[in-house]
Structures are given as structure tokens and as C-alpha cells.
């Protein structure tokens, strides 16, 4: 299944407790249709004392968020946009290219 979000994209949260917050995608969990976004959906996780962390305690970390609650931010305009895909042929090599539906010139999103 193709997803509209990839690792490294800048996204904004559409709904939920973190609505309106922006962040960078750290990891995409394809089988679960979820993504981990930097600084979004923070949870406290209890850890036991170990060799690396002698005291243990609580650690803040990002939890996954469903892909449907995320929208890509266009790098040119800085506004949320939907994504389209088209096949472009460059030097005889066909490539699937993502583009912003909001921007007029429909440039490739990297």
C-alpha cells in the first residue's frame, strides 16, 4: 500500500490532542498505517534501572499517530497540501513522482 507520507517529510496534525502542531516524520510504520513524528504525541514511559540508566524513572518519547491524522506541508508555500502521484519519464527512465496539489506549478516534492 502506498502512503502519502515518507520519512523526513514535514507534517501538520489534523485532529486529536496535538492538533495544529508541526513536526518531522522520524519513522513510518507501513503495516500499521502509523507514523512517529518528532515532538508530537509525547508519552511518559517508565524504565527500570539498567547499565545505561542507573536510576531508571520516566522517559518522554514519541508515540505513533495514525497517517490519516497527518497532512504534508508543501516545502514551497509552507501550507498543508494533498499529494498527487504521476509518472515522469526522464532520459527513458520512468519514475513515480509526488507533487503538491495546492501549488500551481505542481513541482516534485522530495
PDB file of N, CA and C in Angstrom:
ATOM      1  N   UNK A   1       0.840  -1.182   0.000  1.00  0.00           N
ATOM      2  CA  UNK A   1       0.000   0.000   0.000  1.00  0.00           C
ATOM      3  C   UNK A   1       0.886   1.247   0.000  1.00  0.00           C
ATOM      4  N   UNK A   2       0.584   2.193  -0.866  1.00  0.00           N
ATOM      5  CA  UNK A   2       1.338   3.437  -0.936  1.00  0.00           C
ATOM      6  C   UNK A   2       0.776   4.431   0.075  1.00  0.00           C
ATOM      7  N   UNK A   3       1.666   5.090   0.789  1.00  0.00           N
ATOM      8  CA  UNK A   3       1.258   6.110   1.752  1.00  0.00           C
ATOM      9  C   UNK A   3       1.682   7.472   1.239  1.00  0.00           C
ATOM     10  N   UNK A   4       0.983   8.521   1.652  1.00  0.00           N
ATOM     11  CA  UNK A   4       1.285   9.863   1.177  1.00  0.00           C
ATOM     12  C   UNK A   4       2.395  10.538   1.976  1.00  0.00           C
ATOM     13  N   UNK A   5       2.912   9.859   2.989  1.00  0.00           N
ATOM     14  CA  UNK A   5       3.944  10.439   3.849  1.00  0.00           C
ATOM     15  C   UNK A   5       5.171   9.541   3.841  1.00  0.00           C
ATOM     16  N   UNK A   6       6.348  10.164   3.798  1.00  0.00           N
ATOM     17  CA  UNK A   6       7.601   9.421   3.850  1.00  0.00           C
ATOM     18  C   UNK A   6       8.457   9.960   4.992  1.00  0.00           C
ATOM     19  N   UNK A   7       9.479   9.208   5.356  1.00  0.00           N
ATOM     20  CA  UNK A   7      10.422   9.623   6.383  1.00  0.00           C
ATOM     21  C   UNK A   7      11.100  10.920   5.944  1.00  0.00           C
ATOM     22  N   UNK A   8      11.177  11.875   6.862  1.00  0.00           N
ATOM     23  CA  UNK A   8      11.819  13.153   6.566  1.00  0.00           C
ATOM     24  C   UNK A   8      10.863  14.250   6.142  1.00  0.00           C
ATOM     25  N   UNK A   9       9.603  13.910   5.858  1.00  0.00           N
ATOM     26  CA  UNK A   9       8.616  14.924   5.481  1.00  0.00           C
ATOM     27  C   UNK A   9       8.238  15.781   6.683  1.00  0.00           C
ATOM     28  N   UNK A  10       7.872  17.028   6.422  1.00  0.00           N
ATOM     29  CA  UNK A  10       7.337  17.906   7.459  1.00  0.00           C
ATOM     30  C   UNK A  10       5.821  17.827   7.370  1.00  0.00           C
ATOM     31  N   UNK A  11       5.177  17.538   8.508  1.00  0.00           N
ATOM     32  CA  UNK A  11       3.731  17.330   8.518  1.00  0.00           C
ATOM     33  C   UNK A  11       3.078  18.181   9.603  1.00  0.00           C
ATOM     34  N   UNK A  12       1.748  18.335   9.473  1.00  0.00           N
ATOM     35  CA  UNK A  12       0.944  19.001  10.487  1.00  0.00           C
ATOM     36  C   UNK A  12      -0.148  18.024  10.903  1.00  0.00           C
ATOM     37  N   UNK A  13      -0.547  18.072  12.171  1.00  0.00           N
ATOM     38  CA  UNK A  13      -1.553  17.156  12.702  1.00  0.00           C
ATOM     39  C   UNK A  13      -2.935  17.763  12.486  1.00  0.00           C
ATOM     40  N   UNK A  14      -3.849  16.994  11.859  1.00  0.00           N
ATOM     41  CA  UNK A  14      -5.202  17.454  11.554  1.00  0.00           C
ATOM     42  C   UNK A  14      -6.148  17.360  12.736  1.00  0.00           C
ATOM     43  N   UNK A  15      -6.036  16.295  13.522  1.00  0.00           N
ATOM     44  CA  UNK A  15      -7.014  16.076  14.572  1.00  0.00           C
ATOM     45  C   UNK A  15      -6.369  15.395  15.772  1.00  0.00           C
ATOM     46  N   UNK A  16      -7.057  15.438  16.875  1.00  0.00           N
ATOM     47  CA  UNK A  16      -6.566  14.820  18.103  1.00  0.00           C
ATOM     48  C   UNK A  16      -6.032  15.859  19.075  1.00  0.00           C
ATOM     49  N   UNK A  17      -5.377  15.390  20.127  1.00  0.00           N
ATOM     50  CA  UNK A  17      -4.860  16.274  21.164  1.00  0.00           C
ATOM     51  C   UNK A  17      -3.753  17.194  20.640  1.00  0.00           C
ATOM     52  N   UNK A  18      -3.016  16.749  19.674  1.00  0.00           N
ATOM     53  CA  UNK A  18      -1.867  17.506  19.138  1.00  0.00           C
ATOM     54  C   UNK A  18      -2.240  18.300  17.898  1.00  0.00           C
ATOM     55  N   UNK A  19      -3.509  18.604  17.702  1.00  0.00           N
ATOM     56  CA  UNK A  19      -3.981  19.291  16.503  1.00  0.00           C
ATOM     57  C   UNK A  19      -3.258  20.619  16.293  1.00  0.00           C
ATOM     58  N   UNK A  20      -2.796  20.833  15.059  1.00  0.00           N
ATOM     59  CA  UNK A  20      -2.146  22.084  14.699  1.00  0.00           C
ATOM     60  C   UNK A  20      -0.641  22.094  14.904  1.00  0.00           C
ATOM     61  N   UNK A  21      -0.081  21.052  15.496  1.00  0.00           N
ATOM     62  CA  UNK A  21       1.359  21.006  15.730  1.00  0.00           C
ATOM     63  C   UNK A  21       2.084  20.479  14.496  1.00  0.00           C
ATOM     64  N   UNK A  22       3.299  21.002  14.273  1.00  0.00           N
ATOM     65  CA  UNK A  22       4.110  20.595  13.132  1.00  0.00           C
ATOM     66  C   UNK A  22       5.310  19.791  13.613  1.00  0.00           C
ATOM     67  N   UNK A  23       5.786  18.893  12.773  1.00  0.00           N
ATOM     68  CA  UNK A  23       6.960  18.102  13.105  1.00  0.00           C
ATOM     69  C   UNK A  23       7.473  17.355  11.894  1.00  0.00           C
ATOM     70  N   UNK A  24       8.624  16.726  12.070  1.00  0.00           N
ATOM     71  CA  UNK A  24       9.252  15.942  11.015  1.00  0.00           C
ATOM     72  C   UNK A  24       9.023  14.462  11.270  1.00  0.00           C
ATOM     73  N   UNK A  25       8.713  13.726  10.217  1.00  0.00           N
ATOM     74  CA  UNK A  25       8.451  12.288  10.343  1.00  0.00           C
ATOM     75  C   UNK A  25       9.775  11.571  10.581  1.00  0.00           C
ATOM     76  N   UNK A  26       9.857  10.839  11.706  1.00  0.00           N
ATOM     77  CA  UNK A  26      11.050  10.079  12.049  1.00  0.00           C
ATOM     78  C   UNK A  26      10.997   8.662  11.499  1.00  0.00           C
ATOM     79  N   UNK A  27       9.786   8.084  11.482  1.00  0.00           N
ATOM     80  CA  UNK A  27       9.629   6.687  11.059  1.00  0.00           C
ATOM     81  C   UNK A  27       8.200   6.481  10.588  1.00  0.00           C
ATOM     82  N   UNK A  28       8.028   5.652   9.568  1.00  0.00           N
ATOM     83  CA  UNK A  28       6.699   5.295   9.072  1.00  0.00           C
ATOM     84  C   UNK A  28       6.497   3.806   9.296  1.00  0.00           C
ATOM     85  N   UNK A  29       5.420   3.463   9.994  1.00  0.00           N
ATOM     86  CA  UNK A  29       5.071   2.060  10.256  1.00  0.00           C
ATOM     87  C   UNK A  29       4.007   1.659   9.230  1.00  0.00           C
ATOM     88  N   UNK A  30       4.436   1.085   8.106  1.00  0.00           N
ATOM     89  CA  UNK A  30       3.564   0.851   6.964  1.00  0.00           C
ATOM     90  C   UNK A  30       2.462  -0.149   7.284  1.00  0.00           C
ATOM     91  N   UNK A  31       2.789  -1.233   7.952  1.00  0.00           N
ATOM     92  CA  UNK A  31       1.795  -2.272   8.225  1.00  0.00           C
ATOM     93  C   UNK A  31       0.690  -1.794   9.159  1.00  0.00           C
ATOM     94  N   UNK A  32       1.008  -0.831  10.031  1.00  0.00           N
ATOM     95  CA  UNK A  32       0.030  -0.316  10.989  1.00  0.00           C
ATOM     96  C   UNK A  32      -0.612   0.992  10.529  1.00  0.00           C
ATOM     97  N   UNK A  33      -0.185   1.532   9.367  1.00  0.00           N
ATOM     98  CA  UNK A  33      -0.659   2.832   8.874  1.00  0.00           C
ATOM     99  C   UNK A  33      -0.447   3.938   9.888  1.00  0.00           C
ATOM    100  N   UNK A  34       0.716   3.947  10.526  1.00  0.00           N
ATOM    101  CA  UNK A  34       1.019   4.942  11.544  1.00  0.00           C
ATOM    102  C   UNK A  34       2.400   5.536  11.284  1.00  0.00           C
ATOM    103  N   UNK A  35       2.661   6.679  11.897  1.00  0.00           N
ATOM    104  CA  UNK A  35       3.962   7.332  11.754  1.00  0.00           C
ATOM    105  C   UNK A  35       4.379   7.899  13.099  1.00  0.00           C
ATOM    106  N   UNK A  36       5.677   7.992  13.312  1.00  0.00           N
ATOM    107  CA  UNK A  36       6.228   8.623  14.509  1.00  0.00           C
ATOM    108  C   UNK A  36       6.772   9.978  14.076  1.00  0.00           C
ATOM    109  N   UNK A  37       6.245  11.043  14.706  1.00  0.00           N
ATOM    110  CA  UNK A  37       6.592  12.406  14.330  1.00  0.00           C
ATOM    111  C   UNK A  37       7.336  13.059  15.487  1.00  0.00           C
ATOM    112  N   UNK A  38       8.414  13.750  15.163  1.00  0.00           N
ATOM    113  CA  UNK A  38       9.276  14.383  16.160  1.00  0.00           C
ATOM    114  C   UNK A  38       8.500  15.420  16.978  1.00  0.00           C
ATOM    115  N   UNK A  39       8.450  15.214  18.304  1.00  0.00           N
ATOM    116  CA  UNK A  39       7.824  16.154  19.224  1.00  0.00           C
ATOM    117  C   UNK A  39       6.313  16.087  19.296  1.00  0.00           C
ATOM    118  N   UNK A  40       5.680  15.131  18.616  1.00  0.00           N
ATOM    119  CA  UNK A  40       4.225  15.010  18.586  1.00  0.00           C
ATOM    120  C   UNK A  40       3.810  13.747  19.331  1.00  0.00           C
ATOM    121  N   UNK A  41       2.689  13.831  20.068  1.00  0.00           N
ATOM    122  CA  UNK A  41       2.115  12.681  20.771  1.00  0.00           C
ATOM    123  C   UNK A  41       3.114  12.090  21.769  1.00  0.00           C
ATOM    124  N   UNK A  42       3.658  12.939  22.635  1.00  0.00           N
ATOM    125  CA  UNK A  42       4.647  12.518  23.621  1.00  0.00           C
ATOM    126  C   UNK A  42       3.974  11.735  24.748  1.00  0.00           C
ATOM    127  N   UNK A  43       4.594  10.629  25.141  1.00  0.00           N
ATOM    128  CA  UNK A  43       4.111   9.808  26.243  1.00  0.00           C
ATOM    129  C   UNK A  43       5.242   9.589  27.229  1.00  0.00           C
ATOM    130  N   UNK A  44       4.893   9.330  28.487  1.00  0.00           N
ATOM    131  CA  UNK A  44       5.887   9.021  29.511  1.00  0.00           C
ATOM    132  C   UNK A  44       5.977   7.511  29.649  1.00  0.00           C
ATOM    133  N   UNK A  45       7.181   6.986  29.536  1.00  0.00           N
ATOM    134  CA  UNK A  45       7.387   5.551  29.640  1.00  0.00           C
ATOM    135  C   UNK A  45       8.260   5.274  30.858  1.00  0.00           C
ATOM    136  N   UNK A  46       7.823   4.363  31.703  1.00  0.00           N
ATOM    137  CA  UNK A  46       8.592   4.002  32.890  1.00  0.00           C
ATOM    138  C   UNK A  46       9.708   3.044  32.487  1.00  0.00           C
ATOM    139  N   UNK A  47      10.920   3.294  32.997  1.00  0.00           N
ATOM    140  CA  UNK A  47      12.047   2.417  32.695  1.00  0.00           C
ATOM    141  C   UNK A  47      12.670   1.914  33.988  1.00  0.00           C
ATOM    142  N   UNK A  48      13.133   0.678  33.946  1.00  0.00           N
ATOM    143  CA  UNK A  48      13.817   0.095  35.089  1.00  0.00           C
ATOM    144  C   UNK A  48      15.276   0.537  35.077  1.00  0.00           C
ATOM    145  N   UNK A  49      15.926   0.528  36.226  1.00  0.00           N
ATOM    146  CA  UNK A  49      17.364   0.824  36.239  1.00  0.00           C
ATOM    147  C   UNK A  49      18.142  -0.200  35.408  1.00  0.00           C
ATOM    148  N   UNK A  50      19.136   0.289  34.665  1.00  0.00           N
ATOM    149  CA  UNK A  50      19.955  -0.595  33.832  1.00  0.00           C
ATOM    150  C   UNK A  50      21.385  -0.065  33.828  1.00  0.00           C
ATOM    151  N   UNK A  51      22.238  -0.685  33.040  1.00  0.00           N
ATOM    152  CA  UNK A  51      23.631  -0.258  32.971  1.00  0.00           C
ATOM    153  C   UNK A  51      23.754   1.138  32.370  1.00  0.00           C
ATOM    154  N   UNK A  52      22.927   1.451  31.373  1.00  0.00           N
ATOM    155  CA  UNK A  52      22.980   2.776  30.762  1.00  0.00           C
ATOM    156  C   UNK A  52      22.323   3.834  31.638  1.00  0.00           C
ATOM    157  N   UNK A  53      21.228   3.465  32.298  1.00  0.00           N
ATOM    158  CA  UNK A  53      20.469   4.407  33.124  1.00  0.00           C
ATOM    159  C   UNK A  53      20.380   3.836  34.532  1.00  0.00           C
ATOM    160  N   UNK A  54      21.271   4.257  35.416  1.00  0.00           N
ATOM    161  CA  UNK A  54      21.338   3.681  36.761  1.00  0.00           C
ATOM    162  C   UNK A  54      20.099   3.955  37.594  1.00  0.00           C
ATOM    163  N   UNK A  55      19.506   5.116  37.438  1.00  0.00           N
ATOM    164  CA  UNK A  55      18.373   5.487  38.288  1.00  0.00           C
ATOM    165  C   UNK A  55      17.035   4.981  37.786  1.00  0.00           C
ATOM    166  N   UNK A  56      16.888   4.787  36.467  1.00  0.00           N
ATOM    167  CA  UNK A  56      15.584   4.417  35.926  1.00  0.00           C
ATOM    168  C   UNK A  56      14.694   5.644  35.919  1.00  0.00           C
ATOM    169  N   UNK A  57      13.383   5.443  36.056  1.00  0.00           N
ATOM    170  CA  UNK A  57      12.455   6.565  36.108  1.00  0.00           C
ATOM    171  C   UNK A  57      11.614   6.660  34.850  1.00  0.00           C
ATOM    172  N   UNK A  58      11.161   7.888  34.569  1.00  0.00           N
ATOM    173  CA  UNK A  58      10.275   8.114  33.441  1.00  0.00           C
ATOM    174  C   UNK A  58      11.031   8.755  32.286  1.00  0.00           C
ATOM    175  N   UNK A  59      10.747   8.281  31.077  1.00  0.00           N
ATOM    176  CA  UNK A  59      11.372   8.807  29.870  1.00  0.00           C
ATOM    177  C   UNK A  59      10.266   9.305  28.947  1.00  0.00           C
ATOM    178  N   UNK A  60      10.396  10.525  28.435  1.00  0.00           N
ATOM    179  CA  UNK A  60       9.432  11.059  27.466  1.00  0.00           C
ATOM    180  C   UNK A  60       9.862  10.625  26.075  1.00  0.00           C
ATOM    181  N   UNK A  61       8.922  10.071  25.298  1.00  0.00           N
ATOM    182  CA  UNK A  61       9.229   9.669  23.934  1.00  0.00           C
ATOM    183  C   UNK A  61       7.993   9.824  23.068  1.00  0.00           C
ATOM    184  N   UNK A  62       8.207   9.835  21.748  1.00  0.00           N
ATOM    185  CA  UNK A  62       7.107   9.992  20.809  1.00  0.00           C
ATOM    186  C   UNK A  62       6.375   8.675  20.613  1.00  0.00           C
ATOM    187  N   UNK A  63       5.049   8.741  20.600  1.00  0.00           N
ATOM    188  CA  UNK A  63       4.242   7.578  20.261  1.00  0.00           C
ATOM    189  C   UNK A  63       3.760   7.751  18.821  1.00  0.00           C
ATOM    190  N   UNK A  64       3.321   6.663  18.213  1.00  0.00           N
ATOM    191  CA  UNK A  64       2.882   6.742  16.825  1.00  0.00           C
ATOM    192  C   UNK A  64       1.520   7.424  16.723  1.00  0.00           C
ATOM    193  N   UNK A  65       1.260   7.979  15.552  1.00  0.00           N
ATOM    194  CA  UNK A  65      -0.009   8.647  15.268  1.00  0.00           C
ATOM    195  C   UNK A  65      -0.495   8.133  13.915  1.00  0.00           C
ATOM    196  N   UNK A  66      -1.803   8.007  13.753  1.00  0.00           N
ATOM    197  CA  UNK A  66      -2.337   7.432  12.525  1.00  0.00           C
ATOM    198  C   UNK A  66      -2.075   8.356  11.335  1.00  0.00           C
ATOM    199  N   UNK A  67      -1.774   7.755  10.192  1.00  0.00           N
ATOM    200  CA  UNK A  67      -1.437   8.500   8.975  1.00  0.00           C
ATOM    201  C   UNK A  67      -2.573   9.433   8.552  1.00  0.00           C
ATOM    202  N   UNK A  68      -3.822   9.023   8.771  1.00  0.00           N
ATOM    203  CA  UNK A  68      -4.960   9.837   8.339  1.00  0.00           C
ATOM    204  C   UNK A  68      -5.046  11.155   9.100  1.00  0.00           C
ATOM    205  N   UNK A  69      -4.392  11.248  10.249  1.00  0.00           N
ATOM    206  CA  UNK A  69      -4.405  12.482  11.032  1.00  0.00           C
ATOM    207  C   UNK A  69      -3.259  13.421  10.669  1.00  0.00           C
ATOM    208  N   UNK A  70      -2.464  13.069   9.675  1.00  0.00           N
ATOM    209  CA  UNK A  70      -1.323  13.881   9.276  1.00  0.00           C
ATOM    210  C   UNK A  70      -1.522  14.426   7.869  1.00  0.00           C
ATOM    211  N   UNK A  71      -1.033  15.645   7.649  1.00  0.00           N
ATOM    212  CA  UNK A  71      -1.088  16.252   6.327  1.00  0.00           C
ATOM    213  C   UNK A  71       0.267  16.855   6.021  1.00  0.00           C
ATOM    214  N   UNK A  72       0.764  16.601   4.826  1.00  0.00           N
ATOM    215  CA  UNK A  72       2.072  17.077   4.415  1.00  0.00           C
ATOM    216  C   UNK A  72       2.056  18.597   4.247  1.00  0.00           C
ATOM    217  N   UNK A  73       3.168  19.246   4.618  1.00  0.00           N
ATOM    218  CA  UNK A  73       3.315  20.684   4.419  1.00  0.00           C
ATOM    219  C   UNK A  73       4.149  20.890   3.167  1.00  0.00           C
ATOM    220  N   UNK A  74       3.635  21.704   2.245  1.00  0.00           N
ATOM    221  CA  UNK A  74       4.331  21.985   0.983  1.00  0.00           C
ATOM    222  C   UNK A  74       5.600  22.763   1.289  1.00  0.00           C
ATOM    223  N   UNK A  75       6.761  22.305   0.795  1.00  0.00           N
ATOM    224  CA  UNK A  75       8.016  22.995   1.086  1.00  0.00           C
ATOM    225  C   UNK A  75       8.081  24.407   0.488  1.00  0.00           C
ATOM    226  N   UNK A  76       7.344  24.659  -0.597  1.00  0.00           N
ATOM    227  CA  UNK A  76       7.383  25.970  -1.241  1.00  0.00           C
ATOM    228  C   UNK A  76       6.490  26.984  -0.553  1.00  0.00           C
ATOM    229  N   UNK A  77       5.218  26.605  -0.297  1.00  0.00           N
ATOM    230  CA  UNK A  77       4.257  27.552   0.262  1.00  0.00           C
ATOM    231  C   UNK A  77       4.220  27.521   1.785  1.00  0.00           C
ATOM    232  N   UNK A  78       4.606  26.397   2.385  1.00  0.00           N
ATOM    233  CA  UNK A  78       4.558  26.272   3.842  1.00  0.00           C
ATOM    234  C   UNK A  78       3.171  26.003   4.373  1.00  0.00           C
ATOM    235  N   UNK A  79       2.239  25.634   3.495  1.00  0.00           N
ATOM    236  CA  UNK A  79       0.859  25.350   3.899  1.00  0.00           C
ATOM    237  C   UNK A  79       0.561  23.863   3.714  1.00  0.00           C
ATOM    238  N   UNK A  80      -0.422  23.340   4.450  1.00  0.00           N
ATOM    239  CA  UNK A  80      -0.792  21.928   4.281  1.00  0.00           C
ATOM    240  C   UNK A  80      -1.324  21.678   2.874  1.00  0.00           C
ATOM    241  N   UNK A  81      -1.003  20.517   2.326  1.00  0.00           N
ATOM    242  CA  UNK A  81      -1.420  20.187   0.967  1.00  0.00           C
ATOM    243  C   UNK A  81      -1.690  18.703   0.834  1.00  0.00           C
ATOM    244  N   UNK A  82      -2.504  18.382  -0.150  1.00  0.00           N
ATOM    245  CA  UNK A  82      -2.699  16.988  -0.515  1.00  0.00           C
ATOM    246  C   UNK A  82      -1.604  16.593  -1.504  1.00  0.00           C
ATOM    247  N   UNK A  83      -1.417  15.304  -1.671  1.00  0.00           N
ATOM    248  CA  UNK A  83      -0.340  14.792  -2.505  1.00  0.00           C
ATOM    249  C   UNK A  83      -0.932  14.048  -3.698  1.00  0.00           C
ATOM    250  N   UNK A  84      -0.344  14.281  -4.861  1.00  0.00           N
ATOM    251  CA  UNK A  84      -0.687  13.523  -6.053  1.00  0.00           C
ATOM    252  C   UNK A  84       0.548  12.771  -6.505  1.00  0.00           C
ATOM    253  N   UNK A  85       0.347  11.750  -7.331  1.00  0.00           N
ATOM    254  CA  UNK A  85       1.465  10.989  -7.879  1.00  0.00           C
ATOM    255  C   UNK A  85       1.305  10.927  -9.386  1.00  0.00           C
ATOM    256  N   UNK A  86       2.409  11.098 -10.093  1.00  0.00           N
ATOM    257  CA  UNK A  86       2.380  10.948 -11.540  1.00  0.00           C
ATOM    258  C   UNK A  86       3.677  10.285 -11.988  1.00  0.00           C
ATOM    259  N   UNK A  87       3.620   9.662 -13.143  1.00  0.00           N
ATOM    260  CA  UNK A  87       4.799   9.001 -13.684  1.00  0.00           C
ATOM    261  C   UNK A  87       5.463   9.964 -14.660  1.00  0.00           C
ATOM    262  N   UNK A  88       6.726  10.264 -14.415  1.00  0.00           N
ATOM    263  CA  UNK A  88       7.508  11.120 -15.302  1.00  0.00           C
ATOM    264  C   UNK A  88       8.604  10.282 -15.935  1.00  0.00           C
ATOM    265  N   UNK A  89       8.860  10.536 -17.205  1.00  0.00           N
ATOM    266  CA  UNK A  89       9.921   9.840 -17.905  1.00  0.00           C
ATOM    267  C   UNK A  89      11.084  10.802 -18.106  1.00  0.00           C
ATOM    268  N   UNK A  90      12.225  10.473 -17.509  1.00  0.00           N
ATOM    269  CA  UNK A  90      13.429  11.288 -17.625  1.00  0.00           C
ATOM    270  C   UNK A  90      14.518  10.413 -18.242  1.00  0.00           C
ATOM    271  N   UNK A  91      14.976  10.791 -19.437  1.00  0.00           N
ATOM    272  CA  UNK A  91      16.006  10.034 -20.167  1.00  0.00           C
ATOM    273  C   UNK A  91      15.608   8.566 -20.365  1.00  0.00           C
ATOM    274  N   UNK A  92      14.340   8.331 -20.636  1.00  0.00           N
ATOM    275  CA  UNK A  92      13.867   6.975 -20.891  1.00  0.00           C
ATOM    276  C   UNK A  92      13.606   6.149 -19.655  1.00  0.00           C
ATOM    277  N   UNK A  93      13.763   6.733 -18.459  1.00  0.00           N
ATOM    278  CA  UNK A  93      13.531   6.020 -17.213  1.00  0.00           C
ATOM    279  C   UNK A  93      12.248   6.563 -16.569  1.00  0.00           C
ATOM    280  N   UNK A  94      11.282   5.689 -16.333  1.00  0.00           N
ATOM    281  CA  UNK A  94      10.021   6.097 -15.720  1.00  0.00           C
ATOM    282  C   UNK A  94      10.177   6.131 -14.208  1.00  0.00           C
ATOM    283  N   UNK A  95       9.678   7.215 -13.604  1.00  0.00           N
ATOM    284  CA  UNK A  95       9.752   7.398 -12.150  1.00  0.00           C
ATOM    285  C   UNK A  95       8.407   7.860 -11.616  1.00  0.00           C
ATOM    286  N   UNK A  96       8.030   7.385 -10.447  1.00  0.00           N
ATOM    287  CA  UNK A  96       6.826   7.853  -9.774  1.00  0.00           C
ATOM    288  C   UNK A  96       7.202   9.067  -8.945  1.00  0.00           C
ATOM    289  N   UNK A  97       6.543  10.197  -9.192  1.00  0.00           N
ATOM    290  CA  UNK A  97       6.899  11.459  -8.562  1.00  0.00           C
ATOM    291  C   UNK A  97       5.713  11.974  -7.757  1.00  0.00           C
ATOM    292  N   UNK A  98       5.978  12.411  -6.532  1.00  0.00           N
ATOM    293  CA  UNK A  98       4.949  13.039  -5.709  1.00  0.00           C
ATOM    294  C   UNK A  98       4.930  14.532  -6.009  1.00  0.00           C
ATOM    295  N   UNK A  99       3.726  15.124  -6.044  1.00  0.00           N
ATOM    296  CA  UNK A  99       3.626  16.563  -6.255  1.00  0.00           C
ATOM    297  C   UNK A  99       2.533  17.142  -5.375  1.00  0.00           C
ATOM    298  N   UNK A 100       2.649  18.437  -5.117  1.00  0.00           N
ATOM    299  CA  UNK A 100       1.691  19.153  -4.284  1.00  0.00           C
ATOM    300  C   UNK A 100       0.482  19.547  -5.121  1.00  0.00           C
ATOM    301  N   UNK A 101      -0.714  19.214  -4.669  1.00  0.00           N
ATOM    302  CA  UNK A 101      -1.915  19.574  -5.405  1.00  0.00           C
ATOM    303  C   UNK A 101      -2.270  21.038  -5.212  1.00  0.00           C
ATOM    304  N   UNK A 102      -1.763  21.664  -4.154  1.00  0.00           N
ATOM    305  CA  UNK A 102      -2.103  23.048  -3.864  1.00  0.00           C
ATOM    306  C   UNK A 102      -1.297  24.033  -4.693  1.00  0.00           C
ATOM    307  N   UNK A 103      -0.008  23.773  -4.912  1.00  0.00           N
ATOM    308  CA  UNK A 103       0.808  24.736  -5.643  1.00  0.00           C
ATOM    309  C   UNK A 103       0.470  24.695  -7.133  1.00  0.00           C
ATOM    310  N   UNK A 104       0.583  25.845  -7.774  1.00  0.00           N
ATOM    311  CA  UNK A 104       0.179  25.974  -9.168  1.00  0.00           C
ATOM    312  C   UNK A 104       1.101  25.238 -10.129  1.00  0.00           C
ATOM    313  N   UNK A 105       2.425  25.271  -9.862  1.00  0.00           N
ATOM    314  CA  UNK A 105       3.357  24.705 -10.808  1.00  0.00           C
ATOM    315  C   UNK A 105       3.530  23.198 -10.686  1.00  0.00           C
ATOM    316  N   UNK A 106       2.966  22.587  -9.651  1.00  0.00           N
ATOM    317  CA  UNK A 106       2.981  21.131  -9.464  1.00  0.00           C
ATOM    318  C   UNK A 106       4.400  20.551  -9.497  1.00  0.00           C
ATOM    319  N   UNK A 107       5.300  21.147  -8.750  1.00  0.00           N
ATOM    320  CA  UNK A 107       6.682  20.647  -8.700  1.00  0.00           C
ATOM    321  C   UNK A 107       6.779  19.423  -7.817  1.00  0.00           C
ATOM    322  N   UNK A 108       7.837  18.678  -8.042  1.00  0.00           N
ATOM    323  CA  UNK A 108       8.093  17.444  -7.308  1.00  0.00           C
ATOM    324  C   UNK A 108       8.402  17.740  -5.848  1.00  0.00           C
ATOM    325  N   UNK A 109       7.863  16.929  -4.954  1.00  0.00           N
ATOM    326  CA  UNK A 109       8.154  17.036  -3.519  1.00  0.00           C
ATOM    327  C   UNK A 109       9.189  15.986  -3.182  1.00  0.00           C
ATOM    328  N   UNK A 110      10.267  16.408  -2.568  1.00  0.00           N
ATOM    329  CA  UNK A 110      11.338  15.477  -2.237  1.00  0.00           C
ATOM    330  C   UNK A 110      11.273  15.098  -0.788  1.00  0.00           C
TER     331      UNK A 110
END
